[in-house]
Amino acid sequence: MSSKQSSPGGQATTHFGFHEIAEEEKAPRVRGVFSSVARRYDLMNDLMSGGVHRLWKDEMVSWLKPQPGWKVIDVAGGTGDIAFRILGRLEAKGDETGSVVVCDLTEEMLQVGRDRAIDSARLQGLQWVCGDAQRLPFPDRSFDAYTIAFGLRNVTRIEEALAEARRVLKPGGRFLCLEFSHVVLPILGRLYDAYSFQLLPRLGQLVARDRDSYVYLVESIRRFPSQAELADRIRQAGLERPRWRNLSGGIAAIHSAWRL
């Protein structure tokens, strides 16, 4: 599945949920979605998943095994969930030299993350940068690890974001992606579809006052590549040894790879 298509007039198009739009329209629309829901984003994650997203993120960071002195980039990590977990693991090892750069397309999401960091007195080892996953504002070979959680499906061209991940990783660097994926249990799949298409938009309207953004969320999940297809794309981007772990029957999956 490629996100890049062409309209009859030759204009490159991509998908925004189930809708085809011009490629240059997607990033502003995604930014609009997350600007709208930023202040209720973490609450909605808890409500939508019953708190299970916290376990998924814990599993991701456990698989990462961050090491003392590492410099990590967390892309699309605006509210800081992954960054805080990584720094917590490093602090548990007595490390004060490791750091995380949180890079997100949406300034409002970053502001939520900064506020959370201040509220928890986490002022060291963090940098907040507004930037595009397809054009990361960092030099080649800058980071020991690259993480992205629930963000890859929102980029316009997945292949460009993956190529950027490889570019900014040092040789031997680790790539980890946590994303909603394809349910592997048929009965669970039917229940999940009913929940996603009927209840999530209503929840978005009640809590975030934004039904449309959560309709987009559901549609974007359904358009995202399968576990095997994403692993193949990761390999095509030059990252090696791609593999994945399914979470909650494939509702989410973690993909791992290396720059070797």
C-alpha atoms as a PDB file:
ATOM      1  CA  MET A   1       0.000   0.000   0.000  1.00  0.00           C
ATOM      2  CA  SER A   2       1.523   3.302  -1.052  1.00  0.00           C
ATOM      3  CA  SER A   3       0.201   6.610   0.159  1.00  0.00           C
ATOM      4  CA  LYS A   4       1.347   8.359  -2.998  1.00  0.00           C
ATOM      5  CA  GLN A   5      -1.116   8.411  -5.891  1.00  0.00           C
ATOM      6  CA  SER A   6      -1.899  10.740  -8.767  1.00  0.00           C
ATOM      7  CA  SER A   7      -5.110  12.495  -9.627  1.00  0.00           C
ATOM      8  CA  PRO A   8      -6.301  12.573 -13.256  1.00  0.00           C
ATOM      9  CA  GLY A   9      -4.653  15.993 -13.526  1.00  0.00           C
ATOM     10  CA  GLY A  10      -1.321  14.591 -12.413  1.00  0.00           C
ATOM     11  CA  GLN A  11      -1.400  16.073  -8.901  1.00  0.00           C
ATOM     12  CA  ALA A  12       0.068  13.791  -6.225  1.00  0.00           C
ATOM     13  CA  THR A  13      -2.550  12.710  -3.690  1.00  0.00           C
ATOM     14  CA  THR A  14      -2.605  10.823  -0.430  1.00  0.00           C
ATOM     15  CA  HIS A  15      -5.233   9.707   2.065  1.00  0.00           C
ATOM     16  CA  PHE A  16      -6.600  11.566   5.044  1.00  0.00           C
ATOM     17  CA  GLY A  17      -8.607   8.847   6.709  1.00  0.00           C
ATOM     18  CA  PHE A  18     -10.795   7.427   3.946  1.00  0.00           C
ATOM     19  CA  HIS A  19     -10.594  10.600   1.855  1.00  0.00           C
ATOM     20  CA  GLU A  20      -8.148  11.343  -0.952  1.00  0.00           C
ATOM     21  CA  ILE A  21      -6.548  14.786  -0.750  1.00  0.00           C
ATOM     22  CA  ALA A  22      -3.622  16.606  -2.332  1.00  0.00           C
ATOM     23  CA  GLU A  23      -0.363  15.678  -0.623  1.00  0.00           C
ATOM     24  CA  GLU A  24       0.389  19.217   0.476  1.00  0.00           C
ATOM     25  CA  GLU A  25      -2.916  19.330   2.378  1.00  0.00           C
ATOM     26  CA  LYS A  26      -2.222  16.427   4.729  1.00  0.00           C
ATOM     27  CA  ALA A  27       0.333  17.928   7.129  1.00  0.00           C
ATOM     28  CA  PRO A  28      -1.798  21.034   7.809  1.00  0.00           C
ATOM     29  CA  ARG A  29      -4.852  18.851   8.374  1.00  0.00           C
ATOM     30  CA  VAL A  30      -2.970  16.546  10.750  1.00  0.00           C
ATOM     31  CA  ARG A  31      -1.648  19.585  12.582  1.00  0.00           C
ATOM     32  CA  GLY A  32      -5.216  20.848  12.858  1.00  0.00           C
ATOM     33  CA  VAL A  33      -6.421  17.546  14.328  1.00  0.00           C
ATOM     34  CA  PHE A  34      -3.787  17.488  17.046  1.00  0.00           C
ATOM     35  CA  SER A  35      -4.022  21.200  17.773  1.00  0.00           C
ATOM     36  CA  SER A  36      -7.722  20.652  18.428  1.00  0.00           C
ATOM     37  CA  VAL A  37      -7.335  17.671  20.774  1.00  0.00           C
ATOM     38  CA  ALA A  38      -3.958  18.459  22.416  1.00  0.00           C
ATOM     39  CA  ARG A  39      -5.279  19.423  25.861  1.00  0.00           C
ATOM     40  CA  ARG A  40      -7.479  16.326  26.094  1.00  0.00           C
ATOM     41  CA  TYR A  41      -5.207  13.979  24.145  1.00  0.00           C
ATOM     42  CA  ASP A  42      -3.851  12.026  27.132  1.00  0.00           C
ATOM     43  CA  LEU A  43      -7.270  11.762  28.772  1.00  0.00           C
ATOM     44  CA  MET A  44      -8.766  10.460  25.519  1.00  0.00           C
ATOM     45  CA  ASN A  45      -5.988   7.865  25.223  1.00  0.00           C
ATOM     46  CA  ASP A  46      -6.887   6.550  28.666  1.00  0.00           C
ATOM     47  CA  LEU A  47     -10.603   6.489  27.908  1.00  0.00           C
ATOM     48  CA  MET A  48     -10.255   4.959  24.440  1.00  0.00           C
ATOM     49  CA  SER A  49      -7.973   2.135  25.547  1.00  0.00           C
ATOM     50  CA  GLY A  50      -9.070   1.694  29.153  1.00  0.00           C
ATOM     51  CA  GLY A  51      -5.520   2.636  30.080  1.00  0.00           C
ATOM     52  CA  VAL A  52      -4.004  -0.199  28.034  1.00  0.00           C
ATOM     53  CA  HIS A  53      -1.954   2.268  25.941  1.00  0.00           C
ATOM     54  CA  ARG A  54       0.194   2.747  29.047  1.00  0.00           C
ATOM     55  CA  LEU A  55       1.080  -0.956  29.050  1.00  0.00           C
ATOM     56  CA  TRP A  56       1.865  -0.829  25.329  1.00  0.00           C
ATOM     57  CA  LYS A  57       4.211   2.107  25.855  1.00  0.00           C
ATOM     58  CA  ASP A  58       5.865   0.354  28.808  1.00  0.00           C
ATOM     59  CA  GLU A  59       6.425  -2.678  26.577  1.00  0.00           C
ATOM     60  CA  MET A  60       7.949  -0.499  23.868  1.00  0.00           C
ATOM     61  CA  VAL A  61      10.464   1.082  26.228  1.00  0.00           C
ATOM     62  CA  SER A  62      11.244  -2.299  27.815  1.00  0.00           C
ATOM     63  CA  TRP A  63      12.088  -3.651  24.356  1.00  0.00           C
ATOM     64  CA  LEU A  64      14.190  -0.569  23.626  1.00  0.00           C
ATOM     65  CA  LYS A  65      16.334  -1.124  26.752  1.00  0.00           C
ATOM     66  CA  PRO A  66      17.742   2.424  26.808  1.00  0.00           C
ATOM     67  CA  GLN A  67      21.398   2.522  27.822  1.00  0.00           C
ATOM     68  CA  PRO A  68      23.319   5.110  29.861  1.00  0.00           C
ATOM     69  CA  GLY A  69      24.516   8.023  27.765  1.00  0.00           C
ATOM     70  CA  TRP A  70      22.115   7.397  24.912  1.00  0.00           C
ATOM     71  CA  LYS A  71      20.711  10.282  22.925  1.00  0.00           C
ATOM     72  CA  VAL A  72      17.214   9.348  21.756  1.00  0.00           C
ATOM     73  CA  ILE A  73      14.820  11.082  19.386  1.00  0.00           C
ATOM     74  CA  ASP A  74      11.113  10.500  20.006  1.00  0.00           C
ATOM     75  CA  VAL A  75       9.182  11.588  16.926  1.00  0.00           C
ATOM     76  CA  ALA A  76       5.500  12.552  17.149  1.00  0.00           C
ATOM     77  CA  GLY A  77       5.913  12.360  20.921  1.00  0.00           C
ATOM     78  CA  GLY A  78       4.494  15.760  21.792  1.00  0.00           C
ATOM     79  CA  THR A  79       2.961  15.089  25.206  1.00  0.00           C
ATOM     80  CA  GLY A  80       6.053  13.268  26.423  1.00  0.00           C
ATOM     81  CA  ASP A  81       4.743   9.798  27.297  1.00  0.00           C
ATOM     82  CA  ILE A  82       7.613   7.899  25.672  1.00  0.00           C
ATOM     83  CA  ALA A  83      10.293  10.436  26.594  1.00  0.00           C
ATOM     84  CA  PHE A  84       9.340  10.361  30.277  1.00  0.00           C
ATOM     85  CA  ARG A  85       9.471   6.562  30.301  1.00  0.00           C
ATOM     86  CA  ILE A  86      12.896   6.488  28.654  1.00  0.00           C
ATOM     87  CA  LEU A  87      14.342   9.013  31.089  1.00  0.00           C
ATOM     88  CA  GLY A  88      12.791   7.101  33.977  1.00  0.00           C
ATOM     89  CA  ARG A  89      14.602   3.936  32.866  1.00  0.00           C
ATOM     90  CA  LEU A  90      17.883   5.812  32.573  1.00  0.00           C
ATOM     91  CA  GLU A  91      17.455   7.431  35.991  1.00  0.00           C
ATOM     92  CA  ALA A  92      16.792   3.993  37.501  1.00  0.00           C
ATOM     93  CA  LYS A  93      20.254   3.019  36.254  1.00  0.00           C
ATOM     94  CA  GLY A  94      21.771   6.103  37.850  1.00  0.00           C
ATOM     95  CA  ASP A  95      22.419   7.725  34.486  1.00  0.00           C
ATOM     96  CA  GLU A  96      22.312  11.511  34.242  1.00  0.00           C
ATOM     97  CA  THR A  97      23.899  11.811  30.791  1.00  0.00           C
ATOM     98  CA  GLY A  98      21.193  10.281  28.605  1.00  0.00           C
ATOM     99  CA  SER A  99      18.749  12.597  26.864  1.00  0.00           C
ATOM    100  CA  VAL A 100      15.626  12.615  24.714  1.00  0.00           C
ATOM    101  CA  VAL A 101      14.666  15.040  21.973  1.00  0.00           C
ATOM    102  CA  VAL A 102      10.895  15.172  21.521  1.00  0.00           C
ATOM    103  CA  CYS A 103      10.075  16.208  17.949  1.00  0.00           C
ATOM    104  CA  ASP A 104       6.467  16.851  16.980  1.00  0.00           C
ATOM    105  CA  LEU A 105       4.674  18.541  14.097  1.00  0.00           C
ATOM    106  CA  THR A 106       2.226  20.345  16.384  1.00  0.00           C
ATOM    107  CA  GLU A 107       3.313  23.099  18.751  1.00  0.00           C
ATOM    108  CA  GLU A 108       0.198  22.677  20.924  1.00  0.00           C
ATOM    109  CA  MET A 109       1.141  19.043  21.621  1.00  0.00           C
ATOM    110  CA  LEU A 110       4.672  20.082  22.562  1.00  0.00           C
ATOM    111  CA  GLN A 111       3.298  22.700  24.925  1.00  0.00           C
ATOM    112  CA  VAL A 112       1.289  20.024  26.721  1.00  0.00           C
ATOM    113  CA  GLY A 113       4.470  17.969  27.032  1.00  0.00           C
ATOM    114  CA  ARG A 114       6.481  20.891  28.370  1.00  0.00           C
ATOM    115  CA  ASP A 115       3.762  21.634  30.929  1.00  0.00           C
ATOM    116  CA  ARG A 116       3.724  18.006  32.051  1.00  0.00           C
ATOM    117  CA  ALA A 117       7.514  18.022  32.394  1.00  0.00           C
ATOM    118  CA  ILE A 118       7.405  21.170  34.529  1.00  0.00           C
ATOM    119  CA  ASP A 119       4.584  19.782  36.677  1.00  0.00           C
ATOM    120  CA  SER A 120       6.629  16.640  37.382  1.00  0.00           C
ATOM    121  CA  ALA A 121       9.874  18.622  37.927  1.00  0.00           C
ATOM    122  CA  ARG A 122      11.486  16.824  34.982  1.00  0.00           C
ATOM    123  CA  LEU A 123      13.661  19.629  33.665  1.00  0.00           C
ATOM    124  CA  GLN A 124      16.890  17.854  32.671  1.00  0.00           C
ATOM    125  CA  GLY A 125      17.639  15.666  29.667  1.00  0.00           C
ATOM    126  CA  LEU A 126      14.724  16.886  27.542  1.00  0.00           C
ATOM    127  CA  GLN A 127      14.565  19.002  24.408  1.00  0.00           C
ATOM    128  CA  TRP A 128      11.323  19.984  22.651  1.00  0.00           C
ATOM    129  CA  VAL A 129      11.483  20.613  18.897  1.00  0.00           C
ATOM    130  CA  CYS A 130       8.705  21.410  16.438  1.00  0.00           C
ATOM    131  CA  GLY A 131       9.542  19.496  13.262  1.00  0.00           C
ATOM    132  CA  ASP A 132       8.301  17.230  10.482  1.00  0.00           C
ATOM    133  CA  ALA A 133       9.055  13.486  10.584  1.00  0.00           C
ATOM    134  CA  GLN A 134       9.766  13.624   6.840  1.00  0.00           C
ATOM    135  CA  ARG A 135      12.364  16.398   7.219  1.00  0.00           C
ATOM    136  CA  LEU A 136      13.925  16.082  10.646  1.00  0.00           C
ATOM    137  CA  PRO A 137      15.948  19.181  11.615  1.00  0.00           C
ATOM    138  CA  PHE A 138      18.965  17.182  12.822  1.00  0.00           C
ATOM    139  CA  PRO A 139      22.301  16.126  11.300  1.00  0.00           C
ATOM    140  CA  ASP A 140      23.057  12.630  10.030  1.00  0.00           C
ATOM    141  CA  ARG A 141      23.993  10.024  12.638  1.00  0.00           C
ATOM    142  CA  SER A 142      22.846  12.104  15.616  1.00  0.00           C
ATOM    143  CA  PHE A 143      20.970   9.552  17.745  1.00  0.00           C
ATOM    144  CA  ASP A 144      21.467   6.179  19.388  1.00  0.00           C
ATOM    145  CA  ALA A 145      17.767   5.355  19.113  1.00  0.00           C
ATOM    146  CA  TYR A 146      14.669   6.578  17.269  1.00  0.00           C
ATOM    147  CA  THR A 147      11.179   5.983  18.633  1.00  0.00           C
ATOM    148  CA  ILE A 148       7.779   6.876  17.239  1.00  0.00           C
ATOM    149  CA  ALA A 149       4.494   5.935  18.939  1.00  0.00           C
ATOM    150  CA  PHE A 150       1.129   6.361  17.218  1.00  0.00           C
ATOM    151  CA  GLY A 151       2.578   8.866  14.781  1.00  0.00           C
ATOM    152  CA  LEU A 152       3.766   7.056  11.666  1.00  0.00           C
ATOM    153  CA  ARG A 153       0.280   6.641  10.202  1.00  0.00           C
ATOM    154  CA  ASN A 154      -0.151  10.430  10.225  1.00  0.00           C
ATOM    155  CA  VAL A 155       2.775  11.257   7.939  1.00  0.00           C
ATOM    156  CA  THR A 156       2.147  11.933   4.273  1.00  0.00           C
ATOM    157  CA  ARG A 157       4.871   9.633   2.956  1.00  0.00           C
ATOM    158  CA  ILE A 158       5.798   6.787   5.290  1.00  0.00           C
ATOM    159  CA  GLU A 159       8.828   5.873   3.193  1.00  0.00           C
ATOM    160  CA  GLU A 160      10.308   9.349   3.659  1.00  0.00           C
ATOM    161  CA  ALA A 161       9.804   9.251   7.421  1.00  0.00           C
ATOM    162  CA  LEU A 162      11.504   5.848   7.590  1.00  0.00           C
ATOM    163  CA  ALA A 163      14.400   7.099   5.466  1.00  0.00           C
ATOM    164  CA  GLU A 164      14.782  10.043   7.836  1.00  0.00           C
ATOM    165  CA  ALA A 165      14.804   7.651  10.787  1.00  0.00           C
ATOM    166  CA  ARG A 166      17.712   5.780   9.243  1.00  0.00           C
ATOM    167  CA  ARG A 167      19.535   9.001   8.360  1.00  0.00           C
ATOM    168  CA  VAL A 168      19.558  10.417  11.892  1.00  0.00           C
ATOM    169  CA  LEU A 169      20.491   7.105  13.550  1.00  0.00           C
ATOM    170  CA  LYS A 170      24.102   6.298  14.320  1.00  0.00           C
ATOM    171  CA  PRO A 171      25.459   2.992  12.964  1.00  0.00           C
ATOM    172  CA  GLY A 172      24.204   0.378  15.384  1.00  0.00           C
ATOM    173  CA  GLY A 173      21.244   2.617  16.281  1.00  0.00           C
ATOM    174  CA  ARG A 174      17.846   1.199  17.189  1.00  0.00           C
ATOM    175  CA  PHE A 175      14.484   1.961  15.537  1.00  0.00           C
ATOM    176  CA  LEU A 176      11.204   1.253  17.333  1.00  0.00           C
ATOM    177  CA  CYS A 177       7.691   2.060  16.139  1.00  0.00           C
ATOM    178  CA  LEU A 178       4.535   1.516  18.191  1.00  0.00           C
ATOM    179  CA  GLU A 179       1.412   1.844  16.107  1.00  0.00           C
ATOM    180  CA  PHE A 180      -2.151   0.634  15.804  1.00  0.00           C
ATOM    181  CA  SER A 181      -2.102  -2.369  13.502  1.00  0.00           C
ATOM    182  CA  HIS A 182      -4.220  -5.197  12.087  1.00  0.00           C
ATOM    183  CA  VAL A 183      -6.127  -7.449  14.479  1.00  0.00           C
ATOM    184  CA  VAL A 184      -5.149 -11.086  14.032  1.00  0.00           C
ATOM    185  CA  LEU A 185      -8.140 -12.652  15.850  1.00  0.00           C
ATOM    186  CA  PRO A 186     -11.362 -12.584  13.744  1.00  0.00           C
ATOM    187  CA  ILE A 187     -13.794 -12.358  16.686  1.00  0.00           C
ATOM    188  CA  LEU A 188     -11.776  -9.584  18.292  1.00  0.00           C
ATOM    189  CA  GLY A 189     -11.635  -7.837  14.917  1.00  0.00           C
ATOM    190  CA  ARG A 190     -15.417  -7.612  14.635  1.00  0.00           C
ATOM    191  CA  LEU A 191     -15.782  -6.270  18.167  1.00  0.00           C
ATOM    192  CA  TYR A 192     -12.970  -3.795  17.584  1.00  0.00           C
ATOM    193  CA  ASP A 193     -14.604  -2.511  14.387  1.00  0.00           C
ATOM    194  CA  ALA A 194     -17.906  -1.939  16.151  1.00  0.00           C
ATOM    195  CA  TYR A 195     -16.179  -0.141  19.014  1.00  0.00           C
ATOM    196  CA  SER A 196     -14.002   1.959  16.721  1.00  0.00           C
ATOM    197  CA  PHE A 197     -16.581   3.174  14.231  1.00  0.00           C
ATOM    198  CA  GLN A 198     -19.538   3.580  16.597  1.00  0.00           C
ATOM    199  CA  LEU A 199     -18.227   4.478  20.048  1.00  0.00           C
ATOM    200  CA  LEU A 200     -14.920   6.286  19.536  1.00  0.00           C
ATOM    201  CA  PRO A 201     -16.362   9.218  17.532  1.00  0.00           C
ATOM    202  CA  ARG A 202     -19.074   9.640  20.180  1.00  0.00           C
ATOM    203  CA  LEU A 203     -16.426   9.620  22.907  1.00  0.00           C
ATOM    204  CA  GLY A 204     -14.436  12.205  20.969  1.00  0.00           C
ATOM    205  CA  GLN A 205     -17.487  14.441  20.779  1.00  0.00           C
ATOM    206  CA  LEU A 206     -18.304  14.112  24.478  1.00  0.00           C
ATOM    207  CA  VAL A 207     -14.798  14.501  25.914  1.00  0.00           C
ATOM    208  CA  ALA A 208     -12.717  16.374  23.336  1.00  0.00           C
ATOM    209  CA  ARG A 209     -15.641  18.232  21.724  1.00  0.00           C
ATOM    210  CA  ASP A 210     -14.263  17.007  18.401  1.00  0.00           C
ATOM    211  CA  ARG A 211     -16.008  14.101  16.674  1.00  0.00           C
ATOM    212  CA  ASP A 212     -14.310  14.606  13.300  1.00  0.00           C
ATOM    213  CA  SER A 213     -10.787  14.195  14.642  1.00  0.00           C
ATOM    214  CA  TYR A 214     -11.663  10.816  16.083  1.00  0.00           C
ATOM    215  CA  VAL A 215     -13.394   9.720  12.896  1.00  0.00           C
ATOM    216  CA  TYR A 216     -10.073  10.511  11.194  1.00  0.00           C
ATOM    217  CA  LEU A 217      -8.234   8.538  13.894  1.00  0.00           C
ATOM    218  CA  VAL A 218     -10.264   5.401  13.217  1.00  0.00           C
ATOM    219  CA  GLU A 219     -10.028   5.757   9.455  1.00  0.00           C
ATOM    220  CA  SER A 220      -6.264   6.335   9.586  1.00  0.00           C
ATOM    221  CA  ILE A 221      -5.821   3.130  11.577  1.00  0.00           C
ATOM    222  CA  ARG A 222      -7.738   1.133   8.985  1.00  0.00           C
ATOM    223  CA  ARG A 223      -5.627   2.563   6.150  1.00  0.00           C
ATOM    224  CA  PHE A 224      -2.313   1.741   7.846  1.00  0.00           C
ATOM    225  CA  PRO A 225      -0.186  -1.119   6.450  1.00  0.00           C
ATOM    226  CA  SER A 226      -0.318  -4.573   7.985  1.00  0.00           C
ATOM    227  CA  GLN A 227       2.450  -5.795  10.258  1.00  0.00           C
ATOM    228  CA  ALA A 228       4.223  -7.671   7.458  1.00  0.00           C
ATOM    229  CA  GLU A 229       3.862  -4.818   4.974  1.00  0.00           C
ATOM    230  CA  LEU A 230       5.244  -2.270   7.408  1.00  0.00           C
ATOM    231  CA  ALA A 231       8.207  -4.558   8.142  1.00  0.00           C
ATOM    232  CA  ASP A 232       8.862  -4.705   4.393  1.00  0.00           C
ATOM    233  CA  ARG A 233       8.746  -0.907   4.120  1.00  0.00           C
ATOM    234  CA  ILE A 234      11.161  -0.598   7.026  1.00  0.00           C
ATOM    235  CA  ARG A 235      13.539  -2.958   5.207  1.00  0.00           C
ATOM    236  CA  GLN A 236      13.205  -1.007   1.967  1.00  0.00           C
ATOM    237  CA  ALA A 237      14.189   2.175   3.831  1.00  0.00           C
ATOM    238  CA  GLY A 238      17.542   0.587   4.664  1.00  0.00           C
ATOM    239  CA  LEU A 239      16.836  -0.408   8.246  1.00  0.00           C
ATOM    240  CA  GLU A 240      17.815  -3.981   8.937  1.00  0.00           C
ATOM    241  CA  ARG A 241      16.506  -6.986  10.859  1.00  0.00           C
ATOM    242  CA  PRO A 242      12.903  -5.724  11.046  1.00  0.00           C
ATOM    243  CA  ARG A 243      10.545  -7.719  13.231  1.00  0.00           C
ATOM    244  CA  TRP A 244       7.436  -7.050  15.254  1.00  0.00           C
ATOM    245  CA  ARG A 245       5.491  -7.975  18.358  1.00  0.00           C
ATOM    246  CA  ASN A 246       1.703  -7.936  18.360  1.00  0.00           C
ATOM    247  CA  LEU A 247      -0.020  -6.361  21.348  1.00  0.00           C
ATOM    248  CA  SER A 248      -3.599  -7.125  22.438  1.00  0.00           C
ATOM    249  CA  GLY A 249      -4.211  -9.477  19.528  1.00  0.00           C
ATOM    250  CA  GLY A 250      -2.772  -7.097  16.941  1.00  0.00           C
ATOM    251  CA  ILE A 251      -4.761  -3.997  17.932  1.00  0.00           C
ATOM    252  CA  ALA A 252      -1.281  -2.491  18.194  1.00  0.00           C
ATOM    253  CA  ALA A 253       2.174  -3.719  17.238  1.00  0.00           C
ATOM    254  CA  ILE A 254       5.757  -2.738  17.938  1.00  0.00           C
ATOM    255  CA  HIS A 255       8.202  -2.886  15.037  1.00  0.00           C
ATOM    256  CA  SER A 256      11.927  -3.051  15.716  1.00  0.00           C
ATOM    257  CA  ALA A 257      14.860  -2.575  13.334  1.00  0.00           C
ATOM    258  CA  TRP A 258      18.484  -1.405  13.319  1.00  0.00           C
ATOM    259  CA  ARG A 259      20.767   0.827  11.356  1.00  0.00           C
ATOM    260  CA  LEU A 260      23.751  -1.488  10.873  1.00  0.00           C
END
